[in-house]
Amino acid sequence: MAGRNFSEAVQFGVVKSNLERNNGIIQCELCGKQIFSIGECHFDHIVPYAKGGSSTLENCQILCAECNLKKSDKELKDIVMEEKARQFLSGKSFREENKPAPATIPPNTTDSKMTKEKFDYIVGKFIEERGDIRQIDFSREYNHLPGISYMVKYYGTLNELKKAFGITDISLNWNRENIAVALRAFVSAHGKITQKDIRKENGLPSINCILNYYPEYKNFTEIKQGLCDLDARGVWTKEEAIIEGKRFVSQNNGKLTQKDCNSANGLPPMSVIYRLFGDMPTYQKAVGASISKNIYVSEEEVEEAIKSYFNGKERVVESRERFFETFPYGIDVIRGRYKSFDVFAQQFNITVLKSKKAKYTKQEVDDIISDYVRSGKPLPKHHDLSKEGLPAASVIMRYYEHWREPFEVFQALYEKIGG
């Protein structure tokens, strides 16, 4: 169980949230006083630790030193009520406060059932903080939103939900003319456009919106060609891949390897080859190229290599990376034959002492990256994450919009609070 003290990752999350809510400054959650350094504040348990409150992000808030001493083990809402009572008795009028303050906790929190009342509360708080809500927000774990099935159940569509919460959906203003203008303007400014660029933050409609107004296009490739005036190749067919492969082989002494498969050589990328042919050797056969021996190997050859590699010794390896440094066949061979390294290791009774952690919680991701940033190391490259003992990019992006985001925000935080 976590101790009384908040971890650095939790403190960081609370500071970041406070900065976002208060336009770049840090304020006491009780009195609103601006806080200028970490020495002037306390990280406080909303539900007191002495009453069973946990040391988690959801139960942490920033108070100035004066309010923290005043709070003791009282609930924050009790202090607020006491302060309001004192103000009322001193003659202060609350008439100007037309809207009641939002509830401290959502209704019926002890009930695990997701009611519409609870759904509206959670979504309303999210919109209050962000100003908008997108369909993808429901699938991001770090947003702590209910599943999108509840949105469909209670509102039917995202547009209906937005209307209910007073959000004007700009997609309703798109038409054929301004869609084309927006796309060409983006290409003119950036020189190119990718599918990841098609989002509201860039002032562009969604792919579905474009296809709705331009039904003559079937995919993003056709959108690039027809609306952006960009030269984009269509979807590869098996026949086209063979024709281009034979052309390349005839010009390169009968050779064609994985590294040759790219648009610069007029060849389909490896993702297309795997989709159309299953593996590289099959494609090489189809175009008349020499077969890569280190890829096209039989299961018998792999088995012989295993026997030779361990030579009767216990089949234990330090890590997958160290194993492939000296094993005669690479990871592509193993994946091609056994689908994954884990299946391969299980089949041949190989024990890996250092295997990658299957799943990280957000707290673990934050703690690991926090320690990395505090060590003073520079932002790692994408391919260096595992080498540095960090979670993979795909793991980080379960909790963040981009894998670089937590590195950048931790760095900014430590600079702001003086390390």
Protein backbone atom coordinates (compact mmCIF):
# COMPACT_ATOMS: atom_id res chain seq x y z
CA MET A 1 0.00 0.00 0.00
CA ALA A 2 1.24 3.52 -0.74
CA GLY A 3 2.54 5.56 2.20
CA ARG A 4 1.38 8.93 3.50
CA ASN A 5 3.68 10.96 1.24
CA PHE A 6 2.72 11.70 -2.36
CA SER A 7 5.14 10.45 -5.01
CA GLU A 8 6.90 12.96 -7.28
CA ALA A 9 4.75 11.80 -10.18
CA VAL A 10 1.56 12.57 -8.23
CA GLN A 11 2.92 15.99 -7.19
CA PHE A 12 3.75 16.72 -10.80
CA GLY A 13 0.25 15.77 -11.96
CA VAL A 14 -1.36 18.04 -9.38
CA VAL A 15 0.89 20.98 -10.24
CA LYS A 16 0.22 20.52 -13.96
CA SER A 17 -3.54 20.37 -13.40
CA ASN A 18 -3.43 23.48 -11.19
CA LEU A 19 -1.46 25.40 -13.83
CA GLU A 20 -3.92 24.41 -16.55
CA ARG A 21 -6.95 25.48 -14.52
CA ASN A 22 -5.44 28.81 -13.47
CA ASN A 23 -3.97 30.05 -16.78
CA GLY A 24 -0.34 29.30 -16.04
CA ILE A 25 -0.13 30.25 -12.36
CA ILE A 26 -0.35 28.08 -9.24
CA GLN A 27 -3.06 28.91 -6.71
CA CYS A 28 -4.11 27.55 -3.33
CA GLU A 29 -7.19 25.36 -3.82
CA LEU A 30 -8.84 26.92 -0.74
CA CYS A 31 -8.15 30.65 -0.66
CA GLY A 32 -6.94 31.24 -4.22
CA LYS A 33 -3.65 32.79 -3.08
CA GLN A 34 -0.92 32.60 -5.73
CA ILE A 35 1.97 30.28 -4.88
CA PHE A 36 5.40 31.12 -6.30
CA SER A 37 7.61 28.22 -5.18
CA ILE A 38 7.31 24.69 -3.89
CA GLY A 39 8.50 25.90 -0.48
CA GLU A 40 5.30 27.95 -0.09
CA CYS A 41 2.86 25.08 -0.59
CA HIS A 42 1.77 21.74 0.78
CA PHE A 43 0.51 18.70 -1.09
CA ASP A 44 -2.59 17.87 0.88
CA HIS A 45 -4.91 14.86 1.14
CA ILE A 46 -8.45 15.92 0.13
CA VAL A 47 -9.83 13.02 2.17
CA PRO A 48 -7.47 13.05 5.18
CA TYR A 49 -4.94 10.25 5.39
CA ALA A 50 -5.98 9.69 9.01
CA LYS A 51 -9.50 8.95 7.74
CA GLY A 52 -8.42 6.45 5.11
CA GLY A 53 -7.61 8.84 2.26
CA SER A 54 -5.10 7.45 -0.24
CA SER A 55 -1.95 9.15 -1.55
CA THR A 56 -3.15 9.23 -5.15
CA LEU A 57 -3.49 11.93 -7.79
CA GLU A 58 -7.28 12.05 -7.35
CA ASN A 59 -6.90 12.68 -3.60
CA CYS A 60 -4.19 15.33 -3.80
CA GLN A 61 -4.49 19.13 -3.86
CA ILE A 62 -2.20 22.14 -3.43
CA LEU A 63 -2.72 24.39 -0.40
CA CYS A 64 -0.74 27.38 0.80
CA ALA A 65 0.99 26.91 4.15
CA GLU A 66 -1.62 28.95 6.05
CA CYS A 67 -4.61 27.00 4.71
CA ASN A 68 -2.88 23.68 5.25
CA LEU A 69 -2.35 24.44 8.94
CA LYS A 70 -5.95 25.63 9.22
CA LYS A 71 -7.26 22.50 7.50
CA SER A 72 -5.72 19.89 9.82
CA ASP A 73 -7.82 16.76 9.34
CA LYS A 74 -10.99 18.61 8.31
CA GLU A 75 -12.59 18.13 4.92
CA LEU A 76 -12.00 21.04 2.52
CA LYS A 77 -15.73 21.50 2.04
CA ASP A 78 -16.18 21.95 5.82
CA ILE A 79 -13.66 24.80 5.79
CA VAL A 80 -15.39 26.43 2.83
CA MET A 81 -18.75 26.21 4.58
CA GLU A 82 -17.31 27.68 7.78
CA GLU A 83 -15.78 30.54 5.83
CA LYS A 84 -19.08 31.22 4.04
CA ALA A 85 -20.91 31.17 7.38
CA ARG A 86 -18.51 33.75 8.82
CA GLN A 87 -18.90 35.94 5.72
CA PHE A 88 -22.70 35.68 5.89
CA LEU A 89 -22.80 36.68 9.57
CA SER A 90 -20.51 39.63 8.82
CA GLY A 91 -23.07 40.97 6.32
CA LYS A 92 -21.75 39.66 2.97
CA SER A 93 -24.42 39.05 0.31
CA PHE A 94 -24.30 35.95 -1.89
CA ARG A 95 -26.93 37.27 -4.30
CA GLU A 96 -24.34 37.69 -7.07
CA GLU A 97 -23.52 34.02 -6.94
CA ASN A 98 -26.21 32.88 -9.35
CA LYS A 99 -24.76 29.46 -10.08
CA PRO A 100 -24.14 27.03 -7.24
CA ALA A 101 -20.64 25.61 -6.93
CA PRO A 102 -20.24 22.18 -8.51
CA ALA A 103 -20.48 19.23 -6.18
CA THR A 104 -17.21 18.12 -4.59
CA ILE A 105 -17.90 14.54 -5.60
CA PRO A 106 -20.19 13.12 -8.27
CA PRO A 107 -23.63 11.92 -7.19
CA ASN A 108 -24.05 8.37 -5.94
CA THR A 109 -20.30 7.66 -5.88
CA THR A 110 -20.85 4.60 -3.73
CA ASP A 111 -23.00 3.11 -6.49
CA SER A 112 -20.84 1.37 -9.12
CA LYS A 113 -23.59 1.67 -11.74
CA MET A 114 -22.97 4.35 -14.39
CA THR A 115 -26.18 6.36 -14.30
CA LYS A 116 -26.94 9.28 -16.61
CA GLU A 117 -26.59 11.62 -13.64
CA LYS A 118 -23.10 10.35 -12.92
CA PHE A 119 -22.19 10.31 -16.63
CA ASP A 120 -23.30 13.94 -17.03
CA TYR A 121 -21.28 14.97 -13.99
CA ILE A 122 -18.03 13.36 -15.19
CA VAL A 123 -18.41 14.58 -18.77
CA GLY A 124 -19.45 18.04 -17.58
CA LYS A 125 -16.30 18.37 -15.45
CA PHE A 126 -14.17 17.28 -18.39
CA ILE A 127 -15.78 19.84 -20.73
CA GLU A 128 -15.46 22.52 -18.05
CA GLU A 129 -11.70 21.95 -17.92
CA ARG A 130 -11.03 21.36 -21.65
CA GLY A 131 -13.74 23.43 -23.33
CA ASP A 132 -14.57 20.59 -25.73
CA ILE A 133 -14.78 16.83 -26.00
CA ARG A 134 -13.87 14.47 -28.84
CA GLN A 135 -14.79 10.89 -29.56
CA ILE A 136 -11.19 9.76 -28.98
CA ASP A 137 -11.27 11.28 -25.47
CA PHE A 138 -13.53 8.44 -24.33
CA SER A 139 -10.84 5.87 -25.17
CA ARG A 140 -7.93 7.68 -23.49
CA GLU A 141 -7.36 6.08 -20.08
CA TYR A 142 -5.83 9.20 -18.59
CA ASN A 143 -9.08 11.16 -19.15
CA HIS A 144 -10.99 8.88 -16.71
CA LEU A 145 -14.15 9.16 -18.80
CA PRO A 146 -16.91 6.53 -18.98
CA GLY A 147 -16.84 4.21 -22.00
CA ILE A 148 -18.19 5.53 -25.28
CA SER A 149 -21.05 3.01 -25.07
CA TYR A 150 -22.58 5.19 -22.32
CA MET A 151 -22.41 8.23 -24.61
CA VAL A 152 -24.31 6.25 -27.26
CA LYS A 153 -26.77 4.98 -24.64
CA TYR A 154 -27.64 8.39 -23.21
CA TYR A 155 -27.15 10.72 -26.21
CA GLY A 156 -26.94 8.62 -29.36
CA THR A 157 -24.21 10.65 -31.05
CA LEU A 158 -21.37 12.94 -30.06
CA ASN A 159 -23.09 15.88 -31.76
CA GLU A 160 -26.17 15.40 -29.60
CA LEU A 161 -24.01 15.26 -26.47
CA LYS A 162 -22.21 18.46 -27.51
CA LYS A 163 -25.53 20.22 -28.09
CA ALA A 164 -26.71 19.19 -24.63
CA PHE A 165 -23.58 20.70 -23.06
CA GLY A 166 -23.71 23.87 -25.15
CA ILE A 167 -20.78 23.11 -27.45
CA THR A 168 -21.02 24.33 -31.02
CA ASP A 169 -19.66 21.65 -33.33
CA ILE A 170 -17.65 23.40 -36.05
CA SER A 171 -17.98 20.32 -38.27
CA LEU A 172 -21.57 21.38 -38.89
CA ASN A 173 -20.21 24.41 -40.77
CA TRP A 174 -18.10 22.44 -43.28
CA ASN A 175 -19.07 22.19 -46.95
CA ARG A 176 -17.37 21.08 -50.17
CA GLU A 177 -15.90 24.50 -50.87
CA ASN A 178 -14.35 25.37 -47.51
CA ILE A 179 -13.05 21.80 -46.99
CA ALA A 180 -10.98 22.07 -50.18
CA VAL A 181 -9.77 25.57 -49.23
CA ALA A 182 -8.69 24.42 -45.74
CA LEU A 183 -6.79 21.37 -47.05
CA ARG A 184 -4.94 23.32 -49.75
CA ALA A 185 -4.07 26.08 -47.30
CA PHE A 186 -2.54 23.52 -44.93
CA VAL A 187 -0.50 21.94 -47.75
CA SER A 188 0.63 25.39 -48.91
CA ALA A 189 1.84 26.23 -45.40
CA HIS A 190 3.51 22.88 -44.61
CA GLY A 191 4.42 21.45 -48.00
CA LYS A 192 2.72 18.14 -47.24
CA ILE A 193 -0.14 16.56 -45.32
CA THR A 194 -0.52 13.24 -43.53
CA GLN A 195 -3.55 11.50 -42.13
CA LYS A 196 -2.45 12.45 -38.62
CA ASP A 197 -2.70 16.11 -39.63
CA ILE A 198 -6.42 15.75 -40.34
CA ARG A 199 -7.76 17.05 -37.02
CA LYS A 200 -9.58 20.00 -35.56
CA GLU A 201 -6.47 21.44 -33.87
CA ASN A 202 -5.10 22.13 -37.37
CA GLY A 203 -8.32 23.76 -38.50
CA LEU A 204 -9.24 20.75 -40.63
CA PRO A 205 -12.33 18.51 -40.79
CA SER A 206 -12.16 14.83 -39.93
CA ILE A 207 -11.61 12.15 -42.57
CA ASN A 208 -15.22 11.03 -42.17
CA CYS A 209 -16.42 14.59 -42.69
CA ILE A 210 -14.36 14.93 -45.90
CA LEU A 211 -15.60 11.61 -47.27
CA ASN A 212 -19.15 12.59 -46.41
CA TYR A 213 -18.94 15.73 -48.57
CA TYR A 214 -16.76 14.06 -51.23
CA PRO A 215 -18.27 10.58 -51.72
CA GLU A 216 -16.31 10.23 -54.99
CA TYR A 217 -13.18 9.63 -52.88
CA LYS A 218 -12.71 6.34 -51.04
CA ASN A 219 -9.68 6.95 -48.84
CA PHE A 220 -7.01 9.44 -47.74
CA THR A 221 -4.79 8.68 -50.73
CA GLU A 222 -7.53 9.77 -53.11
CA ILE A 223 -8.20 12.86 -50.97
CA LYS A 224 -4.53 13.86 -51.30
CA GLN A 225 -4.62 13.44 -55.05
CA GLY A 226 -7.99 15.05 -55.69
CA LEU A 227 -8.18 17.86 -53.14
CA CYS A 228 -4.58 18.63 -52.22
CA ASP A 229 -3.01 18.31 -55.67
CA LEU A 230 -0.35 16.02 -54.20
CA ASP A 231 1.19 13.09 -56.03
CA ALA A 232 0.11 10.07 -53.97
CA ARG A 233 0.23 6.49 -55.15
CA GLY A 234 -2.96 4.46 -54.94
CA VAL A 235 -3.37 1.16 -53.12
CA TRP A 236 -0.91 -1.51 -54.30
CA THR A 237 -2.28 -4.59 -56.04
CA LYS A 238 -0.43 -7.91 -56.15
CA GLU A 239 0.06 -7.61 -59.92
CA GLU A 240 1.56 -4.10 -59.64
CA ALA A 241 3.90 -5.23 -56.86
CA ILE A 242 5.18 -8.11 -59.01
CA ILE A 243 5.65 -5.91 -62.10
CA GLU A 244 7.66 -3.31 -60.16
CA GLY A 245 9.60 -6.02 -58.34
CA LYS A 246 10.63 -7.68 -61.62
CA ARG A 247 11.69 -4.31 -63.01
CA PHE A 248 13.91 -3.65 -60.00
CA VAL A 249 15.41 -7.17 -60.06
CA SER A 250 16.30 -6.85 -63.75
CA GLN A 251 18.17 -3.62 -63.00
CA ASN A 252 19.99 -4.88 -59.90
CA ASN A 253 21.60 -8.20 -60.86
CA GLY A 254 18.71 -10.34 -59.65
CA LYS A 255 18.78 -8.98 -56.10
CA LEU A 256 15.99 -7.46 -54.03
CA THR A 257 16.13 -7.15 -50.22
CA GLN A 258 13.93 -5.69 -47.49
CA LYS A 259 15.85 -2.41 -47.39
CA ASP A 260 15.15 -1.94 -51.12
CA CYS A 261 11.39 -1.96 -50.55
CA ASN A 262 10.47 1.71 -50.43
CA SER A 263 8.87 4.39 -52.60
CA ALA A 264 12.26 5.80 -53.62
CA ASN A 265 12.88 2.57 -55.57
CA GLY A 266 9.33 2.45 -56.89
CA LEU A 267 8.64 -0.64 -54.77
CA PRO A 268 5.89 -1.38 -52.25
CA PRO A 269 6.85 -0.98 -48.56
CA MET A 270 7.27 -4.06 -46.37
CA SER A 271 3.82 -3.56 -44.82
CA VAL A 272 2.30 -4.06 -48.29
CA ILE A 273 4.51 -7.07 -49.02
CA TYR A 274 3.45 -8.76 -45.78
CA ARG A 275 -0.20 -8.04 -46.65
CA LEU A 276 -0.01 -9.33 -50.23
CA PHE A 277 2.61 -12.12 -50.01
CA GLY A 278 2.88 -13.11 -46.34
CA ASP A 279 6.68 -12.78 -46.15
CA MET A 280 9.71 -11.48 -48.06
CA PRO A 281 10.91 -14.83 -49.49
CA THR A 282 7.54 -15.41 -51.16
CA TYR A 283 7.77 -11.99 -52.80
CA GLN A 284 11.36 -12.65 -53.87
CA LYS A 285 10.24 -15.90 -55.49
CA ALA A 286 7.37 -14.14 -57.28
CA VAL A 287 9.65 -11.54 -58.89
CA GLY A 288 12.56 -13.90 -59.64
CA ALA A 289 14.98 -12.49 -57.07
CA SER A 290 17.53 -14.54 -55.14
CA ILE A 291 16.13 -15.71 -51.79
CA SER A 292 17.62 -14.19 -48.65
CA LYS A 293 19.13 -17.16 -46.82
CA ASN A 294 19.07 -15.46 -43.43
CA ILE A 295 15.28 -15.03 -43.72
CA TYR A 296 14.08 -18.08 -45.63
CA VAL A 297 15.01 -20.90 -43.26
CA SER A 298 13.18 -24.07 -42.33
CA GLU A 299 12.04 -25.07 -38.86
CA GLU A 300 14.58 -27.90 -38.97
CA GLU A 301 17.38 -25.38 -39.55
CA VAL A 302 16.18 -23.28 -36.61
CA GLU A 303 16.06 -26.36 -34.38
CA GLU A 304 19.62 -27.32 -35.36
CA ALA A 305 20.76 -23.76 -34.63
CA ILE A 306 19.16 -23.96 -31.15
CA LYS A 307 20.95 -27.26 -30.36
CA SER A 308 24.26 -25.84 -31.53
CA TYR A 309 23.77 -22.53 -29.68
CA PHE A 310 23.16 -24.09 -26.26
CA ASN A 311 25.29 -27.21 -26.89
CA GLY A 312 23.59 -29.27 -24.19
CA LYS A 313 23.66 -26.48 -21.58
CA GLU A 314 20.64 -25.11 -19.72
CA ARG A 315 18.52 -22.99 -22.08
CA VAL A 316 18.66 -19.70 -20.18
CA VAL A 317 19.45 -16.31 -21.78
CA GLU A 318 19.97 -12.93 -20.15
CA SER A 319 17.63 -11.05 -22.50
CA ARG A 320 16.09 -11.26 -25.95
CA GLU A 321 18.50 -8.58 -27.24
CA ARG A 322 21.60 -10.43 -25.99
CA PHE A 323 20.31 -13.69 -27.48
CA PHE A 324 20.05 -12.24 -31.00
CA GLU A 325 23.51 -10.72 -30.79
CA THR A 326 25.02 -14.21 -31.19
CA PHE A 327 22.19 -16.40 -32.54
CA PRO A 328 22.70 -17.11 -36.28
CA TYR A 329 19.18 -15.99 -37.31
CA GLY A 330 17.54 -12.63 -36.67
CA ILE A 331 14.21 -11.67 -35.14
CA ASP A 332 12.56 -11.52 -38.60
CA VAL A 333 13.23 -15.23 -39.11
CA ILE A 334 11.74 -16.08 -35.72
CA ARG A 335 8.67 -13.92 -36.21
CA GLY A 336 8.15 -15.32 -39.69
CA ARG A 337 8.23 -18.90 -38.41
CA TYR A 338 6.73 -18.60 -34.92
CA LYS A 339 4.72 -15.33 -35.01
CA SER A 340 6.43 -14.00 -31.87
CA PHE A 341 9.59 -14.46 -29.80
CA ASP A 342 7.51 -15.59 -26.79
CA VAL A 343 6.00 -18.48 -28.78
CA PHE A 344 9.47 -19.39 -30.06
CA ALA A 345 10.98 -19.35 -26.54
CA GLN A 346 8.15 -21.45 -25.17
CA GLN A 347 8.46 -24.04 -27.92
CA PHE A 348 12.18 -24.52 -27.31
CA ASN A 349 12.01 -24.18 -23.49
CA ILE A 350 14.15 -21.04 -23.41
CA THR A 351 14.02 -18.98 -20.21
CA VAL A 352 14.59 -15.23 -20.55
CA LEU A 353 15.83 -13.64 -17.32
CA LYS A 354 15.14 -10.03 -18.31
CA SER A 355 11.86 -9.73 -20.18
CA LYS A 356 9.93 -6.55 -20.88
CA LYS A 357 7.19 -5.67 -18.42
CA ALA A 358 3.89 -6.59 -19.99
CA LYS A 359 1.84 -3.72 -18.58
CA TYR A 360 2.55 -0.48 -16.77
CA THR A 361 0.13 1.59 -14.74
CA LYS A 362 0.16 5.34 -15.34
CA GLN A 363 1.77 5.80 -11.92
CA GLU A 364 4.63 3.48 -12.91
CA VAL A 365 5.09 5.24 -16.26
CA ASP A 366 5.21 8.65 -14.54
CA ASP A 367 7.61 7.47 -11.83
CA ILE A 368 10.03 5.94 -14.35
CA ILE A 369 10.02 8.99 -16.64
CA SER A 370 10.23 11.37 -13.66
CA ASP A 371 13.39 9.63 -12.42
CA TYR A 372 14.84 9.67 -15.93
CA VAL A 373 14.26 13.42 -16.36
CA ARG A 374 15.62 14.22 -12.88
CA SER A 375 18.83 12.40 -13.77
CA GLY A 376 19.53 15.18 -16.29
CA LYS A 377 19.57 12.95 -19.35
CA PRO A 378 18.38 14.45 -22.67
CA LEU A 379 15.08 13.52 -24.30
CA PRO A 380 15.61 10.01 -25.70
CA LYS A 381 15.04 9.00 -29.30
CA HIS A 382 12.04 6.80 -30.10
CA HIS A 383 14.24 3.76 -30.76
CA ASP A 384 16.26 4.28 -27.55
CA LEU A 385 13.35 3.95 -25.08
CA SER A 386 13.86 0.26 -24.28
CA LYS A 387 17.65 0.70 -24.32
CA GLU A 388 17.26 3.30 -21.54
CA GLY A 389 14.98 1.01 -19.52
CA LEU A 390 11.91 3.13 -20.33
CA PRO A 391 8.39 1.96 -21.29
CA ALA A 392 7.76 1.58 -25.01
CA ALA A 393 6.15 4.44 -26.95
CA SER A 394 2.95 2.41 -27.35
CA VAL A 395 2.73 2.01 -23.55
CA ILE A 396 3.29 5.74 -22.89
CA MET A 397 0.62 6.64 -25.46
CA ARG A 398 -2.00 4.71 -23.49
CA TYR A 399 -1.85 7.62 -21.06
CA TYR A 400 -0.56 10.56 -23.16
CA GLU A 401 -1.29 12.08 -26.56
CA HIS A 402 2.35 11.57 -27.68
CA TRP A 403 5.21 9.54 -26.21
CA ARG A 404 7.36 12.70 -25.84
CA GLU A 405 4.72 14.57 -23.82
CA PRO A 406 5.57 13.28 -20.29
CA PHE A 407 9.29 13.90 -20.85
CA GLU A 408 8.64 17.50 -21.91
CA VAL A 409 6.19 18.29 -19.13
CA PHE A 410 8.33 16.73 -16.39
CA GLN A 411 11.27 18.72 -17.70
CA ALA A 412 9.21 21.92 -17.70
CA LEU A 413 7.96 21.21 -14.19
CA TYR A 414 11.41 20.66 -12.71
CA GLU A 415 12.69 23.82 -14.39
CA LYS A 416 9.75 25.78 -12.95
CA ILE A 417 10.14 24.49 -9.38
CA GLY A 418 13.91 24.55 -9.42
CA GLY A 419 14.75 20.88 -9.93
